[in-house]
């Protein structure tokens, strides 16, 4: 059975971040990563957030597509 796609707002909530559209926009306006930086190693994550992001990508788990979206958006600058 296919699981419904997770949204960016749901990912932000899962990470314990404010997940309303304005807060998400503010997050992307104030956070970015260098081209060669790994998402899970960003200095703005706590240990739990970093572990969650790393595991979701490594295991190609349920949250992986939206974690990829987060990664891409943080690397846009």
N, C-alpha and C. Protein backbone atom coordinates (compact mmCIF):
# COMPACT_ATOMS: atom_id res chain seq x y z
N UNK A 1 0.84 -1.18 0.00
CA UNK A 1 0.00 0.00 0.00
C UNK A 1 0.88 1.24 0.00
N UNK A 2 0.58 2.17 -0.88
CA UNK A 2 1.33 3.42 -0.95
C UNK A 2 0.94 4.33 0.20
N UNK A 3 1.96 4.94 0.79
CA UNK A 3 1.72 5.91 1.85
C UNK A 3 1.56 7.28 1.19
N UNK A 4 0.69 8.11 1.75
CA UNK A 4 0.54 9.46 1.19
C UNK A 4 1.85 10.24 1.31
N UNK A 5 2.10 11.09 0.33
CA UNK A 5 3.30 11.90 0.36
C UNK A 5 3.26 12.87 1.54
N UNK A 6 4.38 12.99 2.20
CA UNK A 6 4.50 13.96 3.29
C UNK A 6 4.75 15.34 2.68
N UNK A 7 4.35 16.36 3.40
CA UNK A 7 4.54 17.74 2.95
C UNK A 7 5.70 18.38 3.71
N UNK A 8 6.16 19.48 3.17
CA UNK A 8 7.22 20.24 3.84
C UNK A 8 6.74 20.72 5.21
N UNK A 9 5.49 21.15 5.30
CA UNK A 9 4.94 21.60 6.59
C UNK A 9 4.95 20.44 7.59
N UNK A 10 4.60 19.25 7.15
CA UNK A 10 4.62 18.09 8.04
C UNK A 10 6.05 17.76 8.49
N UNK A 11 7.01 17.92 7.58
CA UNK A 11 8.41 17.68 7.94
C UNK A 11 8.87 18.68 8.99
N UNK A 12 8.53 19.94 8.80
CA UNK A 12 8.91 20.96 9.78
C UNK A 12 8.32 20.62 11.15
N UNK A 13 7.07 20.21 11.17
CA UNK A 13 6.44 19.81 12.43
C UNK A 13 7.15 18.60 13.03
N UNK A 14 7.50 17.62 12.21
CA UNK A 14 8.21 16.44 12.67
C UNK A 14 9.56 16.81 13.29
N UNK A 15 10.19 17.83 12.74
CA UNK A 15 11.49 18.30 13.24
C UNK A 15 11.34 19.22 14.46
N UNK A 16 10.11 19.52 14.84
CA UNK A 16 9.87 20.39 15.99
C UNK A 16 9.99 21.86 15.65
N UNK A 17 9.88 22.18 14.38
CA UNK A 17 9.97 23.58 13.93
C UNK A 17 8.57 24.12 13.66
N UNK A 18 8.44 25.44 13.70
CA UNK A 18 7.17 26.05 13.33
C UNK A 18 6.88 25.67 11.88
N UNK A 19 5.64 25.28 11.62
CA UNK A 19 5.34 24.70 10.30
C UNK A 19 4.31 25.48 9.49
N UNK A 20 3.99 26.68 9.92
CA UNK A 20 3.07 27.50 9.13
C UNK A 20 3.84 28.09 7.93
N UNK A 21 3.15 28.45 6.87
CA UNK A 21 3.84 28.94 5.66
C UNK A 21 4.80 30.10 5.91
N UNK A 22 4.42 31.04 6.75
CA UNK A 22 5.29 32.18 7.03
C UNK A 22 6.59 31.74 7.72
N UNK A 23 6.47 30.83 8.68
CA UNK A 23 7.66 30.34 9.39
C UNK A 23 8.57 29.55 8.46
N UNK A 24 7.99 28.78 7.56
CA UNK A 24 8.80 28.02 6.61
C UNK A 24 9.53 28.99 5.68
N UNK A 25 8.84 30.00 5.19
CA UNK A 25 9.48 31.01 4.34
C UNK A 25 10.63 31.70 5.07
N UNK A 26 10.41 32.04 6.34
CA UNK A 26 11.44 32.68 7.14
C UNK A 26 12.63 31.76 7.33
N UNK A 27 12.37 30.47 7.57
CA UNK A 27 13.45 29.51 7.73
C UNK A 27 14.34 29.50 6.48
N UNK A 28 13.73 29.41 5.31
CA UNK A 28 14.53 29.36 4.09
C UNK A 28 15.21 30.70 3.79
N UNK A 29 14.65 31.79 4.25
CA UNK A 29 15.27 33.10 4.06
C UNK A 29 16.48 33.28 4.96
N UNK A 30 16.52 32.54 6.07
CA UNK A 30 17.59 32.74 7.05
C UNK A 30 18.55 31.55 7.17
N UNK A 31 18.30 30.49 6.43
CA UNK A 31 19.16 29.30 6.47
C UNK A 31 19.51 28.87 5.05
N UNK A 32 20.74 28.51 4.85
CA UNK A 32 21.17 27.97 3.56
C UNK A 32 22.40 27.10 3.81
N UNK A 33 22.75 26.33 2.79
CA UNK A 33 23.92 25.45 2.87
C UNK A 33 24.81 25.68 1.68
N UNK A 34 26.12 25.59 1.90
CA UNK A 34 27.06 25.63 0.79
C UNK A 34 26.84 24.42 -0.09
N UNK A 35 27.27 24.53 -1.32
CA UNK A 35 27.04 23.49 -2.32
C UNK A 35 27.50 22.10 -1.83
N UNK A 36 28.64 22.04 -1.16
CA UNK A 36 29.20 20.74 -0.76
C UNK A 36 28.80 20.31 0.66
N UNK A 37 27.97 21.08 1.33
CA UNK A 37 27.56 20.76 2.70
C UNK A 37 26.47 19.69 2.70
N UNK A 38 26.57 18.78 3.65
CA UNK A 38 25.55 17.74 3.80
C UNK A 38 24.42 18.27 4.68
N UNK A 39 23.21 17.97 4.28
CA UNK A 39 22.03 18.44 5.01
C UNK A 39 22.10 18.08 6.48
N UNK A 40 22.37 16.83 6.79
CA UNK A 40 22.34 16.38 8.18
C UNK A 40 23.47 16.95 9.03
N UNK A 41 24.47 17.56 8.39
CA UNK A 41 25.60 18.13 9.13
C UNK A 41 25.48 19.64 9.31
N UNK A 42 24.35 20.20 8.91
CA UNK A 42 24.15 21.65 9.04
C UNK A 42 24.19 22.04 10.52
N UNK A 43 24.80 23.16 10.84
CA UNK A 43 24.95 23.57 12.24
C UNK A 43 23.64 23.96 12.92
N UNK A 44 22.59 24.17 12.16
CA UNK A 44 21.34 24.62 12.77
C UNK A 44 20.44 23.47 13.22
N UNK A 45 20.84 22.22 13.01
CA UNK A 45 20.05 21.08 13.52
C UNK A 45 20.57 20.65 14.87
N UNK A 46 19.66 20.18 15.72
CA UNK A 46 20.14 19.55 16.95
C UNK A 46 20.45 18.09 16.60
N UNK A 47 20.99 17.33 17.54
CA UNK A 47 21.42 15.96 17.27
C UNK A 47 20.27 15.08 16.80
N UNK A 48 19.12 15.23 17.41
CA UNK A 48 17.96 14.42 17.06
C UNK A 48 17.47 14.73 15.64
N UNK A 49 17.40 16.00 15.31
CA UNK A 49 16.98 16.41 13.97
C UNK A 49 17.95 15.89 12.92
N UNK A 50 19.24 16.03 13.18
CA UNK A 50 20.26 15.57 12.23
C UNK A 50 20.17 14.07 12.02
N UNK A 51 19.99 13.32 13.10
CA UNK A 51 19.88 11.86 13.00
C UNK A 51 18.65 11.47 12.18
N UNK A 52 17.53 12.12 12.42
CA UNK A 52 16.31 11.83 11.69
C UNK A 52 16.52 12.06 10.19
N UNK A 53 17.07 13.21 9.83
CA UNK A 53 17.29 13.54 8.43
C UNK A 53 18.23 12.54 7.77
N UNK A 54 19.31 12.21 8.45
CA UNK A 54 20.30 11.27 7.92
C UNK A 54 19.67 9.89 7.69
N UNK A 55 18.93 9.40 8.68
CA UNK A 55 18.32 8.07 8.59
C UNK A 55 17.27 8.00 7.50
N UNK A 56 16.46 9.02 7.36
CA UNK A 56 15.42 9.01 6.33
C UNK A 56 16.02 8.91 4.93
N UNK A 57 17.11 9.60 4.69
CA UNK A 57 17.75 9.54 3.38
C UNK A 57 18.46 8.21 3.18
N UNK A 58 19.22 7.77 4.17
CA UNK A 58 19.97 6.51 4.04
C UNK A 58 19.06 5.32 3.82
N UNK A 59 17.91 5.32 4.46
CA UNK A 59 16.98 4.19 4.36
C UNK A 59 15.95 4.38 3.26
N UNK A 60 16.03 5.49 2.54
CA UNK A 60 15.02 5.83 1.53
C UNK A 60 13.63 5.61 2.11
N UNK A 61 13.44 6.15 3.29
CA UNK A 61 12.23 5.92 4.07
C UNK A 61 11.10 6.86 3.66
N UNK A 62 10.03 6.76 4.41
CA UNK A 62 8.79 7.50 4.12
C UNK A 62 8.99 8.99 3.92
N UNK A 63 9.87 9.57 4.73
CA UNK A 63 10.08 11.02 4.67
C UNK A 63 11.12 11.43 3.62
N UNK A 64 11.79 10.48 2.99
CA UNK A 64 12.90 10.79 2.09
C UNK A 64 12.56 11.80 0.99
N UNK A 65 11.43 11.68 0.30
CA UNK A 65 11.16 12.67 -0.77
C UNK A 65 11.09 14.12 -0.27
N UNK A 66 10.47 14.32 0.87
CA UNK A 66 10.36 15.69 1.38
C UNK A 66 11.68 16.15 2.02
N UNK A 67 12.47 15.23 2.55
CA UNK A 67 13.80 15.58 3.04
C UNK A 67 14.67 16.01 1.85
N UNK A 68 14.52 15.33 0.73
CA UNK A 68 15.23 15.74 -0.50
C UNK A 68 14.82 17.16 -0.91
N UNK A 69 13.53 17.45 -0.79
CA UNK A 69 13.05 18.80 -1.11
C UNK A 69 13.68 19.84 -0.19
N UNK A 70 13.72 19.54 1.10
CA UNK A 70 14.36 20.43 2.07
C UNK A 70 15.82 20.66 1.69
N UNK A 71 16.51 19.58 1.39
CA UNK A 71 17.92 19.66 1.01
C UNK A 71 18.10 20.55 -0.22
N UNK A 72 17.29 20.34 -1.23
CA UNK A 72 17.40 21.13 -2.45
C UNK A 72 17.15 22.61 -2.18
N UNK A 73 16.15 22.90 -1.40
CA UNK A 73 15.82 24.31 -1.12
C UNK A 73 16.92 24.99 -0.32
N UNK A 74 17.55 24.27 0.59
CA UNK A 74 18.63 24.87 1.37
C UNK A 74 19.90 25.08 0.55
N UNK A 75 20.04 24.35 -0.53
CA UNK A 75 21.21 24.48 -1.41
C UNK A 75 20.96 25.41 -2.60
N UNK A 76 19.82 26.07 -2.67
CA UNK A 76 19.49 26.92 -3.82
C UNK A 76 20.35 28.17 -3.94
N UNK A 77 20.80 28.69 -2.87
CA UNK A 77 21.54 29.98 -2.91
C UNK A 77 22.89 29.82 -3.53
